[in-house]
């Protein structure tokens, strides 16, 4: 027990140090949400999200850290020799752009699975239970979720190109800033980019409580894979729906953080997705 607490304390300090440069960015994003909100902020959830960011990261590192480190040690790395190929500055840029492109593709399929596989949805519900998605929602993921991501995103990227090891700072910055942007609760539109990248309005459709928006907009960096696989929904001007999971009050939603299902609301079957079979579950009350 003493060793576990020591590990948790060390992880807590490491998480706080890693988050330090991002708090000012989040503060600016939230200030703009106050000045030009897309929807009025729900402050109890916002504060809960901010507190949970370091707590969730620390829990995940403490519980999963050793297992994930061991798994990485047994996974073959860079089988396609991209690291050897990227021996010039220009090729290094190409390597990491390719990394982000592969991440975009793999994340699309993980995200789609999280909505179609009931036990994955049980953990993904933590993210969707936010009653008004905002910049602080970026870290609202179940603390065990990184374990699932390893097998669909992290592991395959290690095998293909060595993973994120030695990634330049701009790659991490892009991923974090993109996460804040896509959840940003602001009354702003981005012109032609609304049909290309994951803007706040585009991703809000994914979190919508309106049934016509269910199982749409799974992309993380671009709208490409939503377009290719028929899950793309481009919001109309002024379309900015409410978010959350119906029948799940925001305080009860925090029970979803347990490592086992204390709360279970069936996900609406993805019978609207291309290639999906008619489902037998009751329609979910989701948003």
C-alpha atoms as a PDB file:
ATOM      1  CA  UNK A   1       0.000   0.000   0.000  1.00  0.00           C
ATOM      2  CA  UNK A   2       2.854   2.371   0.855  1.00  0.00           C
ATOM      3  CA  UNK A   3       4.460   1.725  -2.521  1.00  0.00           C
ATOM      4  CA  UNK A   4       1.155   2.381  -4.307  1.00  0.00           C
ATOM      5  CA  UNK A   5       0.659   5.677  -2.483  1.00  0.00           C
ATOM      6  CA  UNK A   6       4.234   6.715  -3.277  1.00  0.00           C
ATOM      7  CA  UNK A   7       3.675   5.912  -6.945  1.00  0.00           C
ATOM      8  CA  UNK A   8       0.421   7.874  -6.947  1.00  0.00           C
ATOM      9  CA  UNK A   9       2.115  10.869  -5.305  1.00  0.00           C
ATOM     10  CA  UNK A  10       4.931  10.808  -7.853  1.00  0.00           C
ATOM     11  CA  UNK A  11       2.440  10.539 -10.705  1.00  0.00           C
ATOM     12  CA  UNK A  12       0.416  13.423  -9.267  1.00  0.00           C
ATOM     13  CA  UNK A  13       3.493  15.656  -9.285  1.00  0.00           C
ATOM     14  CA  UNK A  14       4.386  14.578 -12.822  1.00  0.00           C
ATOM     15  CA  UNK A  15       0.850  15.266 -14.051  1.00  0.00           C
ATOM     16  CA  UNK A  16       0.769  18.742 -12.484  1.00  0.00           C
ATOM     17  CA  UNK A  17       4.127  19.544 -14.050  1.00  0.00           C
ATOM     18  CA  UNK A  18       2.953  18.331 -17.454  1.00  0.00           C
ATOM     19  CA  UNK A  19      -0.271  20.327 -17.255  1.00  0.00           C
ATOM     20  CA  UNK A  20       1.395  23.554 -16.139  1.00  0.00           C
ATOM     21  CA  UNK A  21       1.831  25.083 -19.629  1.00  0.00           C
ATOM     22  CA  UNK A  22      -1.746  24.188 -20.611  1.00  0.00           C
ATOM     23  CA  UNK A  23      -3.675  25.846 -17.783  1.00  0.00           C
ATOM     24  CA  UNK A  24      -3.198  29.371 -19.264  1.00  0.00           C
ATOM     25  CA  UNK A  25      -4.415  28.118 -22.656  1.00  0.00           C
ATOM     26  CA  UNK A  26      -7.490  26.572 -21.050  1.00  0.00           C
ATOM     27  CA  UNK A  27      -8.079  29.769 -19.058  1.00  0.00           C
ATOM     28  CA  UNK A  28      -8.069  31.887 -22.229  1.00  0.00           C
ATOM     29  CA  UNK A  29     -10.415  29.458 -23.989  1.00  0.00           C
ATOM     30  CA  UNK A  30     -12.803  29.532 -21.033  1.00  0.00           C
ATOM     31  CA  UNK A  31     -12.679  33.338 -20.837  1.00  0.00           C
ATOM     32  CA  UNK A  32     -13.837  33.497 -24.449  1.00  0.00           C
ATOM     33  CA  UNK A  33     -16.578  30.986 -23.620  1.00  0.00           C
ATOM     34  CA  UNK A  34     -17.823  33.398 -20.954  1.00  0.00           C
ATOM     35  CA  UNK A  35     -17.740  36.369 -23.349  1.00  0.00           C
ATOM     36  CA  UNK A  36     -19.197  34.621 -26.427  1.00  0.00           C
ATOM     37  CA  UNK A  37     -20.794  31.370 -25.292  1.00  0.00           C
ATOM     38  CA  UNK A  38     -22.468  29.043 -27.734  1.00  0.00           C
ATOM     39  CA  UNK A  39     -24.580  27.873 -24.804  1.00  0.00           C
ATOM     40  CA  UNK A  40     -24.594  29.211 -21.255  1.00  0.00           C
ATOM     41  CA  UNK A  41     -21.872  27.494 -19.233  1.00  0.00           C
ATOM     42  CA  UNK A  42     -22.930  24.963 -16.603  1.00  0.00           C
ATOM     43  CA  UNK A  43     -20.426  25.931 -13.922  1.00  0.00           C
ATOM     44  CA  UNK A  44     -20.778  22.906 -11.598  1.00  0.00           C
ATOM     45  CA  UNK A  45     -19.790  20.659 -14.505  1.00  0.00           C
ATOM     46  CA  UNK A  46     -17.021  22.998 -15.655  1.00  0.00           C
ATOM     47  CA  UNK A  47     -15.469  23.069 -12.179  1.00  0.00           C
ATOM     48  CA  UNK A  48     -15.851  19.308 -11.865  1.00  0.00           C
ATOM     49  CA  UNK A  49     -14.103  18.834 -15.219  1.00  0.00           C
ATOM     50  CA  UNK A  50     -11.186  21.056 -14.205  1.00  0.00           C
ATOM     51  CA  UNK A  51     -10.692  19.162 -10.944  1.00  0.00           C
ATOM     52  CA  UNK A  52     -10.984  15.828 -12.722  1.00  0.00           C
ATOM     53  CA  UNK A  53      -8.307  16.514 -15.357  1.00  0.00           C
ATOM     54  CA  UNK A  54      -5.282  15.988 -13.021  1.00  0.00           C
ATOM     55  CA  UNK A  55      -7.137  13.442 -10.862  1.00  0.00           C
ATOM     56  CA  UNK A  56      -8.125  11.275 -13.841  1.00  0.00           C
ATOM     57  CA  UNK A  57      -4.672  11.418 -15.403  1.00  0.00           C
ATOM     58  CA  UNK A  58      -3.061  10.447 -12.093  1.00  0.00           C
ATOM     59  CA  UNK A  59      -5.469   7.548 -11.565  1.00  0.00           C
ATOM     60  CA  UNK A  60      -4.820   6.271 -15.073  1.00  0.00           C
ATOM     61  CA  UNK A  61      -1.043   6.506 -14.727  1.00  0.00           C
ATOM     62  CA  UNK A  62      -1.076   4.787 -11.348  1.00  0.00           C
ATOM     63  CA  UNK A  63      -3.367   1.901 -12.283  1.00  0.00           C
ATOM     64  CA  UNK A  64      -2.344   1.353 -15.904  1.00  0.00           C
ATOM     65  CA  UNK A  65       1.198   2.693 -16.053  1.00  0.00           C
ATOM     66  CA  UNK A  66       3.114  -0.498 -15.265  1.00  0.00           C
ATOM     67  CA  UNK A  67       0.920  -2.704 -17.474  1.00  0.00           C
ATOM     68  CA  UNK A  68       1.126  -0.353 -20.464  1.00  0.00           C
ATOM     69  CA  UNK A  69       4.898   0.034 -20.057  1.00  0.00           C
ATOM     70  CA  UNK A  70       5.250  -3.760 -20.024  1.00  0.00           C
ATOM     71  CA  UNK A  71       3.054  -4.117 -23.114  1.00  0.00           C
ATOM     72  CA  UNK A  72       5.100  -1.538 -24.998  1.00  0.00           C
ATOM     73  CA  UNK A  73       8.236  -3.530 -24.227  1.00  0.00           C
ATOM     74  CA  UNK A  74       6.760  -6.596 -25.952  1.00  0.00           C
ATOM     75  CA  UNK A  75       5.423  -4.861 -29.051  1.00  0.00           C
ATOM     76  CA  UNK A  76       7.608  -4.849 -32.194  1.00  0.00           C
ATOM     77  CA  UNK A  77       8.511  -1.292 -33.123  1.00  0.00           C
ATOM     78  CA  UNK A  78       8.730   0.556 -36.432  1.00  0.00           C
ATOM     79  CA  UNK A  79       8.324  -2.495 -38.649  1.00  0.00           C
ATOM     80  CA  UNK A  80       8.137  -0.280 -41.735  1.00  0.00           C
ATOM     81  CA  UNK A  81      11.388   1.530 -40.775  1.00  0.00           C
ATOM     82  CA  UNK A  82       9.896   5.007 -40.935  1.00  0.00           C
ATOM     83  CA  UNK A  83      12.291   6.207 -38.237  1.00  0.00           C
ATOM     84  CA  UNK A  84      15.301   5.222 -40.365  1.00  0.00           C
ATOM     85  CA  UNK A  85      13.730   6.882 -43.394  1.00  0.00           C
ATOM     86  CA  UNK A  86      13.169  10.162 -41.518  1.00  0.00           C
ATOM     87  CA  UNK A  87      16.834  11.165 -41.279  1.00  0.00           C
ATOM     88  CA  UNK A  88      16.438  14.733 -42.571  1.00  0.00           C
ATOM     89  CA  UNK A  89      14.457  17.653 -41.104  1.00  0.00           C
ATOM     90  CA  UNK A  90      11.998  17.570 -44.015  1.00  0.00           C
ATOM     91  CA  UNK A  91      11.429  13.843 -43.607  1.00  0.00           C
ATOM     92  CA  UNK A  92      10.990  14.302 -39.867  1.00  0.00           C
ATOM     93  CA  UNK A  93       8.104  16.661 -40.577  1.00  0.00           C
ATOM     94  CA  UNK A  94       6.707  14.129 -43.035  1.00  0.00           C
ATOM     95  CA  UNK A  95       7.030  11.352 -40.440  1.00  0.00           C
ATOM     96  CA  UNK A  96       5.000  13.222 -37.845  1.00  0.00           C
ATOM     97  CA  UNK A  97       2.387  14.393 -40.329  1.00  0.00           C
ATOM     98  CA  UNK A  98       1.986  10.729 -41.294  1.00  0.00           C
ATOM     99  CA  UNK A  99       1.733   9.868 -37.583  1.00  0.00           C
ATOM    100  CA  UNK A 100      -1.119  12.356 -37.150  1.00  0.00           C
ATOM    101  CA  UNK A 101      -2.855  11.047 -40.277  1.00  0.00           C
ATOM    102  CA  UNK A 102      -2.670   7.456 -38.991  1.00  0.00           C
ATOM    103  CA  UNK A 103      -3.831   8.613 -35.554  1.00  0.00           C
ATOM    104  CA  UNK A 104      -6.819  10.309 -37.201  1.00  0.00           C
ATOM    105  CA  UNK A 105      -7.801   7.077 -38.990  1.00  0.00           C
ATOM    106  CA  UNK A 106      -7.332   4.777 -35.964  1.00  0.00           C
ATOM    107  CA  UNK A 107      -9.107   7.155 -33.596  1.00  0.00           C
ATOM    108  CA  UNK A 108     -12.103   7.264 -35.926  1.00  0.00           C
ATOM    109  CA  UNK A 109     -12.543   3.500 -35.576  1.00  0.00           C
ATOM    110  CA  UNK A 110     -11.940   3.459 -31.828  1.00  0.00           C
ATOM    111  CA  UNK A 111     -14.463   6.254 -31.394  1.00  0.00           C
ATOM    112  CA  UNK A 112     -17.008   4.495 -33.571  1.00  0.00           C
ATOM    113  CA  UNK A 113     -16.505   1.262 -31.613  1.00  0.00           C
ATOM    114  CA  UNK A 114     -17.078   3.175 -28.373  1.00  0.00           C
ATOM    115  CA  UNK A 115     -20.576   3.953 -29.619  1.00  0.00           C
ATOM    116  CA  UNK A 116     -21.379   0.522 -31.014  1.00  0.00           C
ATOM    117  CA  UNK A 117     -19.845  -1.884 -28.490  1.00  0.00           C
ATOM    118  CA  UNK A 118     -21.900  -1.737 -25.256  1.00  0.00           C
ATOM    119  CA  UNK A 119     -19.042  -2.283 -22.793  1.00  0.00           C
ATOM    120  CA  UNK A 120     -16.905   0.372 -24.512  1.00  0.00           C
ATOM    121  CA  UNK A 121     -19.878   2.746 -24.457  1.00  0.00           C
ATOM    122  CA  UNK A 122     -20.178   2.225 -20.691  1.00  0.00           C
ATOM    123  CA  UNK A 123     -16.769   3.878 -20.245  1.00  0.00           C
ATOM    124  CA  UNK A 124     -17.215   6.435 -23.033  1.00  0.00           C
ATOM    125  CA  UNK A 125     -20.385   7.616 -21.292  1.00  0.00           C
ATOM    126  CA  UNK A 126     -18.158   9.616 -18.934  1.00  0.00           C
ATOM    127  CA  UNK A 127     -17.279  11.918 -21.806  1.00  0.00           C
ATOM    128  CA  UNK A 128     -20.807  12.132 -23.199  1.00  0.00           C
ATOM    129  CA  UNK A 129     -22.430  12.819 -19.841  1.00  0.00           C
ATOM    130  CA  UNK A 130     -21.203  16.430 -19.935  1.00  0.00           C
ATOM    131  CA  UNK A 131     -24.390  18.512 -19.926  1.00  0.00           C
ATOM    132  CA  UNK A 132     -22.776  21.385 -21.842  1.00  0.00           C
ATOM    133  CA  UNK A 133     -19.596  20.479 -23.696  1.00  0.00           C
ATOM    134  CA  UNK A 134     -16.918  23.146 -23.311  1.00  0.00           C
ATOM    135  CA  UNK A 135     -13.130  23.582 -23.399  1.00  0.00           C
ATOM    136  CA  UNK A 136     -12.780  21.913 -19.978  1.00  0.00           C
ATOM    137  CA  UNK A 137     -14.436  18.778 -21.417  1.00  0.00           C
ATOM    138  CA  UNK A 138     -11.164  17.936 -23.188  1.00  0.00           C
ATOM    139  CA  UNK A 139      -9.983  15.863 -20.200  1.00  0.00           C
ATOM    140  CA  UNK A 140     -13.327  14.317 -19.291  1.00  0.00           C
ATOM    141  CA  UNK A 141     -12.506  10.722 -20.233  1.00  0.00           C
ATOM    142  CA  UNK A 142     -12.660   7.629 -18.052  1.00  0.00           C
ATOM    143  CA  UNK A 143      -9.312   7.078 -16.369  1.00  0.00           C
ATOM    144  CA  UNK A 144      -9.198   3.490 -17.709  1.00  0.00           C
ATOM    145  CA  UNK A 145      -9.774   4.563 -21.303  1.00  0.00           C
ATOM    146  CA  UNK A 146      -6.076   4.708 -22.152  1.00  0.00           C
ATOM    147  CA  UNK A 147      -6.002   0.939 -21.698  1.00  0.00           C
ATOM    148  CA  UNK A 148      -8.509   0.539 -24.535  1.00  0.00           C
ATOM    149  CA  UNK A 149      -6.700   3.077 -26.694  1.00  0.00           C
ATOM    150  CA  UNK A 150      -3.461   1.124 -26.461  1.00  0.00           C
ATOM    151  CA  UNK A 151      -4.826  -1.804 -28.458  1.00  0.00           C
ATOM    152  CA  UNK A 152      -6.452   0.276 -31.211  1.00  0.00           C
ATOM    153  CA  UNK A 153      -4.262   3.397 -31.463  1.00  0.00           C
ATOM    154  CA  UNK A 154      -1.068   3.393 -29.402  1.00  0.00           C
ATOM    155  CA  UNK A 155      -0.003  -0.205 -30.058  1.00  0.00           C
ATOM    156  CA  UNK A 156      -0.571  -0.150 -33.849  1.00  0.00           C
ATOM    157  CA  UNK A 157       1.286   3.167 -34.133  1.00  0.00           C
ATOM    158  CA  UNK A 158       4.240   1.693 -32.208  1.00  0.00           C
ATOM    159  CA  UNK A 159       4.296  -1.269 -34.591  1.00  0.00           C
ATOM    160  CA  UNK A 160       3.999   0.868 -37.729  1.00  0.00           C
ATOM    161  CA  UNK A 161       6.306   3.776 -36.921  1.00  0.00           C
ATOM    162  CA  UNK A 162       7.627   3.552 -33.383  1.00  0.00           C
ATOM    163  CA  UNK A 163       4.732   5.407 -31.772  1.00  0.00           C
ATOM    164  CA  UNK A 164       5.002   8.843 -30.174  1.00  0.00           C
ATOM    165  CA  UNK A 165       8.501   8.289 -28.776  1.00  0.00           C
ATOM    166  CA  UNK A 166      10.669  11.415 -29.313  1.00  0.00           C
ATOM    167  CA  UNK A 167       7.745  13.289 -30.871  1.00  0.00           C
ATOM    168  CA  UNK A 168       8.505  17.005 -31.329  1.00  0.00           C
ATOM    169  CA  UNK A 169       6.660  19.471 -29.153  1.00  0.00           C
ATOM    170  CA  UNK A 170       4.470  20.720 -31.985  1.00  0.00           C
ATOM    171  CA  UNK A 171       2.842  17.293 -32.322  1.00  0.00           C
ATOM    172  CA  UNK A 172       1.727  17.223 -28.672  1.00  0.00           C
ATOM    173  CA  UNK A 173       0.697  20.880 -28.903  1.00  0.00           C
ATOM    174  CA  UNK A 174      -1.432  20.155 -31.975  1.00  0.00           C
ATOM    175  CA  UNK A 175      -3.183  17.219 -30.304  1.00  0.00           C
ATOM    176  CA  UNK A 176      -3.962  19.159 -27.115  1.00  0.00           C
ATOM    177  CA  UNK A 177      -5.034  22.365 -28.869  1.00  0.00           C
ATOM    178  CA  UNK A 178      -7.211  20.353 -31.243  1.00  0.00           C
ATOM    179  CA  UNK A 179      -8.883  18.686 -28.262  1.00  0.00           C
ATOM    180  CA  UNK A 180      -9.650  22.057 -26.692  1.00  0.00           C
ATOM    181  CA  UNK A 181     -10.854  23.535 -29.987  1.00  0.00           C
ATOM    182  CA  UNK A 182     -13.288  20.738 -30.842  1.00  0.00           C
ATOM    183  CA  UNK A 183     -15.002  21.034 -27.438  1.00  0.00           C
ATOM    184  CA  UNK A 184     -14.901  24.828 -27.297  1.00  0.00           C
ATOM    185  CA  UNK A 185     -18.295  26.286 -26.397  1.00  0.00           C
ATOM    186  CA  UNK A 186     -18.226  29.492 -28.423  1.00  0.00           C
ATOM    187  CA  UNK A 187     -20.589  31.238 -30.834  1.00  0.00           C
ATOM    188  CA  UNK A 188     -17.987  31.267 -33.603  1.00  0.00           C
ATOM    189  CA  UNK A 189     -17.893  29.620 -37.034  1.00  0.00           C
ATOM    190  CA  UNK A 190     -14.757  29.016 -39.084  1.00  0.00           C
ATOM    191  CA  UNK A 191     -15.898  29.605 -42.644  1.00  0.00           C
ATOM    192  CA  UNK A 192     -14.712  27.014 -45.201  1.00  0.00           C
ATOM    193  CA  UNK A 193     -12.910  25.095 -42.434  1.00  0.00           C
ATOM    194  CA  UNK A 194     -16.334  24.037 -41.118  1.00  0.00           C
ATOM    195  CA  UNK A 195     -16.353  21.442 -43.899  1.00  0.00           C
ATOM    196  CA  UNK A 196     -12.779  20.215 -43.359  1.00  0.00           C
ATOM    197  CA  UNK A 197     -11.620  20.126 -39.736  1.00  0.00           C
ATOM    198  CA  UNK A 198     -13.297  19.216 -36.449  1.00  0.00           C
ATOM    199  CA  UNK A 199     -14.706  22.562 -35.388  1.00  0.00           C
ATOM    200  CA  UNK A 200     -16.701  23.175 -32.183  1.00  0.00           C
ATOM    201  CA  UNK A 201     -19.998  23.200 -34.097  1.00  0.00           C
ATOM    202  CA  UNK A 202     -19.115  19.992 -35.971  1.00  0.00           C
ATOM    203  CA  UNK A 203     -18.136  18.064 -32.834  1.00  0.00           C
ATOM    204  CA  UNK A 204     -21.078  19.392 -30.839  1.00  0.00           C
ATOM    205  CA  UNK A 205     -23.338  17.490 -33.224  1.00  0.00           C
ATOM    206  CA  UNK A 206     -21.597  14.330 -32.005  1.00  0.00           C
ATOM    207  CA  UNK A 207     -22.510  15.189 -28.383  1.00  0.00           C
ATOM    208  CA  UNK A 208     -26.071  16.240 -29.220  1.00  0.00           C
ATOM    209  CA  UNK A 209     -29.091  14.893 -27.333  1.00  0.00           C
ATOM    210  CA  UNK A 210     -31.147  15.083 -30.565  1.00  0.00           C
ATOM    211  CA  UNK A 211     -31.686  11.632 -32.047  1.00  0.00           C
ATOM    212  CA  UNK A 212     -31.070  12.773 -35.627  1.00  0.00           C
ATOM    213  CA  UNK A 213     -27.491  13.553 -34.587  1.00  0.00           C
ATOM    214  CA  UNK A 214     -26.743  10.168 -33.007  1.00  0.00           C
ATOM    215  CA  UNK A 215     -23.740   8.258 -34.354  1.00  0.00           C
ATOM    216  CA  UNK A 216     -22.381  11.110 -36.417  1.00  0.00           C
ATOM    217  CA  UNK A 217     -19.081  12.999 -36.587  1.00  0.00           C
ATOM    218  CA  UNK A 218     -16.606  10.553 -35.036  1.00  0.00           C
ATOM    219  CA  UNK A 219     -13.530  12.278 -36.502  1.00  0.00           C
ATOM    220  CA  UNK A 220     -10.809  13.779 -34.332  1.00  0.00           C
ATOM    221  CA  UNK A 221      -8.607  15.888 -36.680  1.00  0.00           C
ATOM    222  CA  UNK A 222     -10.396  15.928 -40.021  1.00  0.00           C
ATOM    223  CA  UNK A 223     -13.829  15.131 -41.427  1.00  0.00           C
ATOM    224  CA  UNK A 224     -12.290  12.795 -44.012  1.00  0.00           C
ATOM    225  CA  UNK A 225     -13.202   9.440 -42.478  1.00  0.00           C
ATOM    226  CA  UNK A 226     -16.699  10.581 -41.518  1.00  0.00           C
ATOM    227  CA  UNK A 227     -17.153  11.509 -45.170  1.00  0.00           C
ATOM    228  CA  UNK A 228     -15.690   8.260 -46.503  1.00  0.00           C
ATOM    229  CA  UNK A 229     -17.680   5.997 -44.179  1.00  0.00           C
ATOM    230  CA  UNK A 230     -20.976   7.884 -44.254  1.00  0.00           C
ATOM    231  CA  UNK A 231     -21.094   9.301 -40.708  1.00  0.00           C
ATOM    232  CA  UNK A 232     -20.555  12.974 -41.565  1.00  0.00           C
ATOM    233  CA  UNK A 233     -23.113  15.600 -40.583  1.00  0.00           C
ATOM    234  CA  UNK A 234     -22.242  19.213 -41.376  1.00  0.00           C
ATOM    235  CA  UNK A 235     -24.239  21.489 -39.049  1.00  0.00           C
ATOM    236  CA  UNK A 236     -26.454  24.132 -40.547  1.00  0.00           C
ATOM    237  CA  UNK A 237     -25.895  27.807 -39.670  1.00  0.00           C
ATOM    238  CA  UNK A 238     -27.079  28.365 -36.116  1.00  0.00           C
ATOM    239  CA  UNK A 239     -27.367  24.643 -35.365  1.00  0.00           C
ATOM    240  CA  UNK A 240     -25.857  24.250 -31.896  1.00  0.00           C
ATOM    241  CA  UNK A 241     -27.711  21.582 -29.892  1.00  0.00           C
ATOM    242  CA  UNK A 242     -27.878  20.755 -26.215  1.00  0.00           C
ATOM    243  CA  UNK A 243     -25.524  17.985 -25.084  1.00  0.00           C
ATOM    244  CA  UNK A 244     -25.399  15.249 -22.449  1.00  0.00           C
ATOM    245  CA  UNK A 245     -27.201  11.988 -21.741  1.00  0.00           C
ATOM    246  CA  UNK A 246     -30.887  12.271 -20.995  1.00  0.00           C
ATOM    247  CA  UNK A 247     -32.086  10.700 -17.724  1.00  0.00           C
ATOM    248  CA  UNK A 248     -28.597  11.151 -16.250  1.00  0.00           C
ATOM    249  CA  UNK A 249     -28.259  14.158 -13.903  1.00  0.00           C
ATOM    250  CA  UNK A 250     -24.810  15.745 -13.909  1.00  0.00           C
ATOM    251  CA  UNK A 251     -24.080  14.746 -10.294  1.00  0.00           C
ATOM    252  CA  UNK A 252     -25.038  11.122 -10.897  1.00  0.00           C
ATOM    253  CA  UNK A 253     -22.832  11.120 -14.000  1.00  0.00           C
ATOM    254  CA  UNK A 254     -19.699  11.139 -11.838  1.00  0.00           C
ATOM    255  CA  UNK A 255     -20.621   7.611 -10.679  1.00  0.00           C
ATOM    256  CA  UNK A 256     -19.561   6.542 -14.181  1.00  0.00           C
ATOM    257  CA  UNK A 257     -15.938   6.959 -13.082  1.00  0.00           C
ATOM    258  CA  UNK A 258     -16.101   3.704 -11.101  1.00  0.00           C
ATOM    259  CA  UNK A 259     -14.028   0.904 -12.688  1.00  0.00           C
ATOM    260  CA  UNK A 260     -17.197  -1.212 -12.989  1.00  0.00           C
ATOM    261  CA  UNK A 261     -20.728  -0.260 -14.118  1.00  0.00           C
ATOM    262  CA  UNK A 262     -22.518   1.482 -11.263  1.00  0.00           C
ATOM    263  CA  UNK A 263     -24.651   3.282 -13.849  1.00  0.00           C
ATOM    264  CA  UNK A 264     -25.669   1.701 -17.127  1.00  0.00           C
ATOM    265  CA  UNK A 265     -27.796   3.321 -19.790  1.00  0.00           C
ATOM    266  CA  UNK A 266     -28.046   1.341 -23.003  1.00  0.00           C
ATOM    267  CA  UNK A 267     -26.543   3.084 -25.971  1.00  0.00           C
ATOM    268  CA  UNK A 268     -28.913   3.609 -28.857  1.00  0.00           C
ATOM    269  CA  UNK A 269     -28.083   0.866 -31.383  1.00  0.00           C
ATOM    270  CA  UNK A 270     -26.145   2.176 -34.349  1.00  0.00           C
ATOM    271  CA  UNK A 271     -28.630   0.881 -36.891  1.00  0.00           C
ATOM    272  CA  UNK A 272     -28.284   4.116 -38.831  1.00  0.00           C
ATOM    273  CA  UNK A 273     -24.621   3.473 -39.577  1.00  0.00           C
ATOM    274  CA  UNK A 274     -23.614   2.009 -42.926  1.00  0.00           C
ATOM    275  CA  UNK A 275     -23.416  -1.770 -42.755  1.00  0.00           C
ATOM    276  CA  UNK A 276     -25.048  -2.020 -39.322  1.00  0.00           C
ATOM    277  CA  UNK A 277     -27.582  -4.753 -38.669  1.00  0.00           C
ATOM    278  CA  UNK A 278     -30.950  -4.012 -37.050  1.00  0.00           C
ATOM    279  CA  UNK A 279     -30.495  -4.071 -33.284  1.00  0.00           C
ATOM    280  CA  UNK A 280     -32.641  -5.587 -30.570  1.00  0.00           C
ATOM    281  CA  UNK A 281     -31.722  -3.283 -27.676  1.00  0.00           C
ATOM    282  CA  UNK A 282     -34.068  -0.588 -26.518  1.00  0.00           C
ATOM    283  CA  UNK A 283     -33.217   2.852 -27.931  1.00  0.00           C
ATOM    284  CA  UNK A 284     -30.865   4.669 -25.631  1.00  0.00           C
ATOM    285  CA  UNK A 285     -31.589   8.001 -24.037  1.00  0.00           C
ATOM    286  CA  UNK A 286     -28.349   9.519 -25.151  1.00  0.00           C
ATOM    287  CA  UNK A 287     -26.907  12.780 -26.237  1.00  0.00           C
END
